[in-house]
């Protein structure tokens, strides 16, 4: 996971698993601290994740488990270097300020 993690974007893990893989599974976790306790994000089992508003100010971790054709099992984890951010859109922010849709508690 490189670059800024912005709310409402989709991120994807790429090139983390070798080509000779028999099985692969993904498990996503969230934590308010990079060294904190990780809570599993239920129902997300792919290499992609949509960054929801509820993830803002939290770090993400993805555990990838895979089995090679040889039968060897490997587990690795990728942790975001920065928390998920919320970035407004200057073209549409006036909607929120006028009270139209969205969560008015977000900047």
C-alpha atoms as a PDB file:
ATOM      1  CA  UNK A   1       0.000   0.000   0.000  1.00  0.00           C
ATOM      2  CA  UNK A   2       1.743   3.114  -1.181  1.00  0.00           C
ATOM      3  CA  UNK A   3       0.630   6.714  -1.381  1.00  0.00           C
ATOM      4  CA  UNK A   4      -2.252   8.400   0.399  1.00  0.00           C
ATOM      5  CA  UNK A   5      -5.248   6.337   1.420  1.00  0.00           C
ATOM      6  CA  UNK A   6      -8.259   8.499   0.663  1.00  0.00           C
ATOM      7  CA  UNK A   7     -11.796   7.746   1.762  1.00  0.00           C
ATOM      8  CA  UNK A   8     -14.097   6.526  -1.052  1.00  0.00           C
ATOM      9  CA  UNK A   9     -11.189   5.193  -3.124  1.00  0.00           C
ATOM     10  CA  UNK A  10     -10.496   1.550  -3.931  1.00  0.00           C
ATOM     11  CA  UNK A  11      -7.055   0.173  -3.147  1.00  0.00           C
ATOM     12  CA  UNK A  12      -5.603  -3.084  -4.422  1.00  0.00           C
ATOM     13  CA  UNK A  13      -2.667  -5.250  -3.449  1.00  0.00           C
ATOM     14  CA  UNK A  14      -0.541  -6.038  -6.482  1.00  0.00           C
ATOM     15  CA  UNK A  15       2.368  -8.403  -7.055  1.00  0.00           C
ATOM     16  CA  UNK A  16       2.413  -9.704  -3.502  1.00  0.00           C
ATOM     17  CA  UNK A  17       1.849 -13.367  -4.423  1.00  0.00           C
ATOM     18  CA  UNK A  18       4.204 -15.438  -6.627  1.00  0.00           C
ATOM     19  CA  UNK A  19       2.994 -16.859  -9.929  1.00  0.00           C
ATOM     20  CA  UNK A  20       3.073 -20.550  -8.876  1.00  0.00           C
ATOM     21  CA  UNK A  21       0.248 -20.234  -6.326  1.00  0.00           C
ATOM     22  CA  UNK A  22      -2.311 -22.941  -5.740  1.00  0.00           C
ATOM     23  CA  UNK A  23      -4.559 -21.081  -3.257  1.00  0.00           C
ATOM     24  CA  UNK A  24      -4.609 -17.536  -1.877  1.00  0.00           C
ATOM     25  CA  UNK A  25      -6.722 -15.846   0.801  1.00  0.00           C
ATOM     26  CA  UNK A  26      -6.924 -12.248   2.034  1.00  0.00           C
ATOM     27  CA  UNK A  27      -8.003 -10.985   5.470  1.00  0.00           C
ATOM     28  CA  UNK A  28      -8.332  -7.258   6.198  1.00  0.00           C
ATOM     29  CA  UNK A  29      -7.964  -5.560   9.605  1.00  0.00           C
ATOM     30  CA  UNK A  30      -8.307  -2.019  10.982  1.00  0.00           C
ATOM     31  CA  UNK A  31      -6.678  -0.249  13.936  1.00  0.00           C
ATOM     32  CA  UNK A  32      -6.524   3.332  15.242  1.00  0.00           C
ATOM     33  CA  UNK A  33      -2.780   2.824  15.807  1.00  0.00           C
ATOM     34  CA  UNK A  34      -0.137   1.121  13.680  1.00  0.00           C
ATOM     35  CA  UNK A  35       0.990  -0.763  16.807  1.00  0.00           C
ATOM     36  CA  UNK A  36      -2.503  -1.149  18.242  1.00  0.00           C
ATOM     37  CA  UNK A  37      -4.956  -3.997  18.430  1.00  0.00           C
ATOM     38  CA  UNK A  38      -6.239  -5.036  14.991  1.00  0.00           C
ATOM     39  CA  UNK A  39      -9.961  -5.666  14.438  1.00  0.00           C
ATOM     40  CA  UNK A  40     -10.946  -7.945  11.550  1.00  0.00           C
ATOM     41  CA  UNK A  41     -13.052  -6.385   8.795  1.00  0.00           C
ATOM     42  CA  UNK A  42     -15.624  -9.123   8.232  1.00  0.00           C
ATOM     43  CA  UNK A  43     -16.767 -10.033   4.739  1.00  0.00           C
ATOM     44  CA  UNK A  44     -13.753  -8.721   2.792  1.00  0.00           C
ATOM     45  CA  UNK A  45     -11.786 -11.576   1.227  1.00  0.00           C
ATOM     46  CA  UNK A  46     -10.276 -10.094  -1.945  1.00  0.00           C
ATOM     47  CA  UNK A  47      -7.145  -8.146  -2.835  1.00  0.00           C
ATOM     48  CA  UNK A  48      -9.239  -4.959  -3.175  1.00  0.00           C
ATOM     49  CA  UNK A  49     -10.985  -2.833  -0.557  1.00  0.00           C
ATOM     50  CA  UNK A  50     -13.183   0.262  -0.744  1.00  0.00           C
ATOM     51  CA  UNK A  51     -12.071   2.855   1.813  1.00  0.00           C
ATOM     52  CA  UNK A  52     -15.222   3.696   3.759  1.00  0.00           C
ATOM     53  CA  UNK A  53     -15.810   6.805   5.889  1.00  0.00           C
ATOM     54  CA  UNK A  54     -15.733   4.592   8.971  1.00  0.00           C
ATOM     55  CA  UNK A  55     -12.061   3.796   8.189  1.00  0.00           C
ATOM     56  CA  UNK A  56     -10.944   7.464   8.399  1.00  0.00           C
ATOM     57  CA  UNK A  57      -8.074   8.023  10.885  1.00  0.00           C
ATOM     58  CA  UNK A  58      -7.404   4.270  11.058  1.00  0.00           C
ATOM     59  CA  UNK A  59      -4.623   2.091   9.676  1.00  0.00           C
ATOM     60  CA  UNK A  60      -5.292  -0.959   7.502  1.00  0.00           C
ATOM     61  CA  UNK A  61      -3.582  -4.316   7.444  1.00  0.00           C
ATOM     62  CA  UNK A  62      -4.031  -7.144   4.977  1.00  0.00           C
ATOM     63  CA  UNK A  63      -2.852 -10.656   5.796  1.00  0.00           C
ATOM     64  CA  UNK A  64      -2.235 -12.741   2.703  1.00  0.00           C
ATOM     65  CA  UNK A  65      -1.986 -16.499   2.996  1.00  0.00           C
ATOM     66  CA  UNK A  66      -1.057 -18.608  -0.002  1.00  0.00           C
ATOM     67  CA  UNK A  67      -0.085 -22.150  -0.884  1.00  0.00           C
ATOM     68  CA  UNK A  68       2.449 -22.821  -3.622  1.00  0.00           C
ATOM     69  CA  UNK A  69       2.030 -25.654  -6.107  1.00  0.00           C
ATOM     70  CA  UNK A  70       4.689 -27.464  -4.038  1.00  0.00           C
ATOM     71  CA  UNK A  71       2.350 -27.412  -1.009  1.00  0.00           C
ATOM     72  CA  UNK A  72       4.348 -24.879   1.019  1.00  0.00           C
ATOM     73  CA  UNK A  73       2.136 -22.468   3.010  1.00  0.00           C
ATOM     74  CA  UNK A  74       3.161 -18.817   3.421  1.00  0.00           C
ATOM     75  CA  UNK A  75       1.599 -15.901   5.297  1.00  0.00           C
ATOM     76  CA  UNK A  76       2.588 -12.280   4.900  1.00  0.00           C
ATOM     77  CA  UNK A  77       1.069  -8.989   6.020  1.00  0.00           C
ATOM     78  CA  UNK A  78       0.980  -5.527   4.505  1.00  0.00           C
ATOM     79  CA  UNK A  79       0.277  -2.554   6.790  1.00  0.00           C
ATOM     80  CA  UNK A  80      -0.600   0.931   5.593  1.00  0.00           C
ATOM     81  CA  UNK A  81       2.097   3.475   6.522  1.00  0.00           C
ATOM     82  CA  UNK A  82      -0.528   6.187   7.091  1.00  0.00           C
ATOM     83  CA  UNK A  83      -4.153   6.197   8.273  1.00  0.00           C
ATOM     84  CA  UNK A  84      -7.063   6.566   5.860  1.00  0.00           C
ATOM     85  CA  UNK A  85      -7.803  10.248   5.172  1.00  0.00           C
ATOM     86  CA  UNK A  86     -10.936  12.128   4.241  1.00  0.00           C
ATOM     87  CA  UNK A  87     -10.398  14.696   1.533  1.00  0.00           C
ATOM     88  CA  UNK A  88     -13.298  16.878   0.511  1.00  0.00           C
ATOM     89  CA  UNK A  89     -14.059  17.862  -3.050  1.00  0.00           C
ATOM     90  CA  UNK A  90     -13.989  21.619  -3.585  1.00  0.00           C
ATOM     91  CA  UNK A  91     -16.466  21.218  -6.465  1.00  0.00           C
ATOM     92  CA  UNK A  92     -19.110  19.592  -4.261  1.00  0.00           C
ATOM     93  CA  UNK A  93     -18.301  20.742  -0.698  1.00  0.00           C
ATOM     94  CA  UNK A  94     -20.948  23.467  -0.958  1.00  0.00           C
ATOM     95  CA  UNK A  95     -23.612  20.714  -1.014  1.00  0.00           C
ATOM     96  CA  UNK A  96     -22.523  19.576   2.458  1.00  0.00           C
ATOM     97  CA  UNK A  97     -22.291  23.135   3.783  1.00  0.00           C
ATOM     98  CA  UNK A  98     -25.824  23.761   2.517  1.00  0.00           C
ATOM     99  CA  UNK A  99     -27.039  20.668   4.398  1.00  0.00           C
ATOM    100  CA  UNK A 100     -27.495  18.357   1.397  1.00  0.00           C
ATOM    101  CA  UNK A 101     -26.456  14.738   2.032  1.00  0.00           C
ATOM    102  CA  UNK A 102     -23.330  13.315   3.581  1.00  0.00           C
ATOM    103  CA  UNK A 103     -22.066  13.392   7.137  1.00  0.00           C
ATOM    104  CA  UNK A 104     -21.915  17.001   8.310  1.00  0.00           C
ATOM    105  CA  UNK A 105     -19.433  16.075  11.054  1.00  0.00           C
ATOM    106  CA  UNK A 106     -16.662  15.499   8.515  1.00  0.00           C
ATOM    107  CA  UNK A 107     -14.607  18.506   7.380  1.00  0.00           C
END
